[in-house]
Amino acid sequence: MNTISLKLPDRLLERLEAASRARGTTKSSLVRECLEKSLDARPVGGKATCYDLASDLAGSLKGLPRDLATNPKYLEGFGQ
């Protein structure tokens, strides 16, 4: 594994340290995880899809059917 160094504002470093303590992991591991998530979220050289931008919201609403597209009750009259 290669090593890099970077400069962080004090507040961001405090947040990183607090998050790594809360997760019981190292700062390096947390930074790698965040970088991977960030880089995987957007297609290289392309525009982000609506799902890319809102994927953290998917499944976050409570009390709704799991998938409206698979329940015939909710598809009644669709496409007519």
C-alpha atoms as a PDB file:
ATOM      1  CA  MET A   1       0.000   0.000   0.000  1.00  0.00           C
ATOM      2  CA  ASN A   2       1.300   3.471  -0.846  1.00  0.00           C
ATOM      3  CA  THR A   3       1.364   6.417   1.534  1.00  0.00           C
ATOM      4  CA  ILE A   4       0.122   9.937   0.845  1.00  0.00           C
ATOM      5  CA  SER A   5      -0.115  12.988   3.053  1.00  0.00           C
ATOM      6  CA  LEU A   6      -2.715  15.716   3.048  1.00  0.00           C
ATOM      7  CA  LYS A   7      -3.582  18.848   4.948  1.00  0.00           C
ATOM      8  CA  LEU A   8      -6.912  19.091   6.742  1.00  0.00           C
ATOM      9  CA  PRO A   9      -8.574  22.049   8.402  1.00  0.00           C
ATOM     10  CA  ASP A  10      -8.707  21.665  12.195  1.00  0.00           C
ATOM     11  CA  ARG A  11     -12.471  21.112  12.247  1.00  0.00           C
ATOM     12  CA  LEU A  12     -12.322  18.361   9.612  1.00  0.00           C
ATOM     13  CA  LEU A  13      -9.494  16.619  11.468  1.00  0.00           C
ATOM     14  CA  GLU A  14     -11.542  16.753  14.688  1.00  0.00           C
ATOM     15  CA  ARG A  15     -14.505  15.193  12.893  1.00  0.00           C
ATOM     16  CA  LEU A  16     -12.270  12.490  11.390  1.00  0.00           C
ATOM     17  CA  GLU A  17     -10.773  11.653  14.767  1.00  0.00           C
ATOM     18  CA  ALA A  18     -14.192  11.529  16.447  1.00  0.00           C
ATOM     19  CA  ALA A  19     -15.633   9.303  13.720  1.00  0.00           C
ATOM     20  CA  SER A  20     -12.683   6.911  13.795  1.00  0.00           C
ATOM     21  CA  ARG A  21     -12.946   6.613  17.594  1.00  0.00           C
ATOM     22  CA  ALA A  22     -16.697   6.008  17.373  1.00  0.00           C
ATOM     23  CA  ARG A  23     -16.202   3.262  14.769  1.00  0.00           C
ATOM     24  CA  GLY A  24     -13.200   1.775  16.509  1.00  0.00           C
ATOM     25  CA  THR A  25     -11.029   2.082  13.427  1.00  0.00           C
ATOM     26  CA  THR A  26      -8.003   4.073  12.322  1.00  0.00           C
ATOM     27  CA  LYS A  27      -8.173   7.450  10.636  1.00  0.00           C
ATOM     28  CA  SER A  28      -6.440   5.953   7.597  1.00  0.00           C
ATOM     29  CA  SER A  29      -9.004   3.195   7.281  1.00  0.00           C
ATOM     30  CA  LEU A  30     -11.866   5.673   7.563  1.00  0.00           C
ATOM     31  CA  VAL A  31     -10.340   7.971   4.942  1.00  0.00           C
ATOM     32  CA  ARG A  32      -9.901   5.001   2.554  1.00  0.00           C
ATOM     33  CA  GLU A  33     -13.529   3.966   3.111  1.00  0.00           C
ATOM     34  CA  CYS A  34     -14.810   7.494   2.472  1.00  0.00           C
ATOM     35  CA  LEU A  35     -12.686   7.872  -0.651  1.00  0.00           C
ATOM     36  CA  GLU A  36     -13.931   4.580  -2.062  1.00  0.00           C
ATOM     37  CA  LYS A  37     -17.568   5.487  -1.427  1.00  0.00           C
ATOM     38  CA  SER A  38     -17.108   8.914  -2.943  1.00  0.00           C
ATOM     39  CA  LEU A  39     -15.295   7.678  -6.025  1.00  0.00           C
ATOM     40  CA  ASP A  40     -17.712   4.780  -6.568  1.00  0.00           C
ATOM     41  CA  ALA A  41     -20.736   7.067  -6.296  1.00  0.00           C
ATOM     42  CA  ARG A  42     -20.062   8.917  -9.535  1.00  0.00           C
ATOM     43  CA  PRO A  43     -19.247   7.413 -12.905  1.00  0.00           C
ATOM     44  CA  VAL A  44     -15.843   8.484 -14.204  1.00  0.00           C
ATOM     45  CA  GLY A  45     -16.217  11.006 -17.020  1.00  0.00           C
ATOM     46  CA  GLY A  46     -19.987  10.846 -16.901  1.00  0.00           C
ATOM     47  CA  LYS A  47     -22.794  12.629 -15.212  1.00  0.00           C
ATOM     48  CA  ALA A  48     -24.254  11.273 -12.015  1.00  0.00           C
ATOM     49  CA  THR A  49     -27.673   9.663 -12.349  1.00  0.00           C
ATOM     50  CA  CYS A  50     -30.615  10.612 -10.193  1.00  0.00           C
ATOM     51  CA  TYR A  51     -30.044   7.406  -8.217  1.00  0.00           C
ATOM     52  CA  ASP A  52     -26.347   8.275  -7.735  1.00  0.00           C
ATOM     53  CA  LEU A  53     -27.339  11.591  -6.200  1.00  0.00           C
ATOM     54  CA  ALA A  54     -30.093  10.189  -3.968  1.00  0.00           C
ATOM     55  CA  SER A  55     -28.858   6.652  -3.225  1.00  0.00           C
ATOM     56  CA  ASP A  56     -28.426   7.466   0.458  1.00  0.00           C
ATOM     57  CA  LEU A  57     -32.185   8.130   0.610  1.00  0.00           C
ATOM     58  CA  ALA A  58     -33.238   4.837  -0.995  1.00  0.00           C
ATOM     59  CA  GLY A  59     -35.255   2.811   1.485  1.00  0.00           C
ATOM     60  CA  SER A  60     -35.242   5.537   4.108  1.00  0.00           C
ATOM     61  CA  LEU A  61     -39.030   6.080   4.275  1.00  0.00           C
ATOM     62  CA  LYS A  62     -40.880   4.030   6.849  1.00  0.00           C
ATOM     63  CA  GLY A  63     -44.380   2.601   6.575  1.00  0.00           C
ATOM     64  CA  LEU A  64     -44.460   2.215   2.792  1.00  0.00           C
ATOM     65  CA  PRO A  65     -44.645  -1.017   0.772  1.00  0.00           C
ATOM     66  CA  ARG A  66     -41.195  -2.470   0.074  1.00  0.00           C
ATOM     67  CA  ASP A  67     -41.530  -2.134  -3.702  1.00  0.00           C
ATOM     68  CA  LEU A  68     -44.500  -0.462  -5.370  1.00  0.00           C
ATOM     69  CA  ALA A  69     -43.545  -1.935  -8.752  1.00  0.00           C
ATOM     70  CA  THR A  70     -44.167  -5.513  -7.590  1.00  0.00           C
ATOM     71  CA  ASN A  71     -47.560  -4.997  -5.976  1.00  0.00           C
ATOM     72  CA  PRO A  72     -50.439  -5.293  -8.475  1.00  0.00           C
ATOM     73  CA  LYS A  73     -52.633  -3.150  -6.216  1.00  0.00           C
ATOM     74  CA  TYR A  74     -50.413  -0.132  -6.905  1.00  0.00           C
ATOM     75  CA  LEU A  75     -50.080  -0.871 -10.613  1.00  0.00           C
ATOM     76  CA  GLU A  76     -53.838  -0.866 -11.261  1.00  0.00           C
ATOM     77  CA  GLY A  77     -54.557   1.419 -14.234  1.00  0.00           C
ATOM     78  CA  PHE A  78     -50.881   2.162 -14.843  1.00  0.00           C
ATOM     79  CA  GLY A  79     -50.074   2.913 -18.475  1.00  0.00           C
ATOM     80  CA  GLN A  80     -53.674   3.424 -19.589  1.00  0.00           C
END
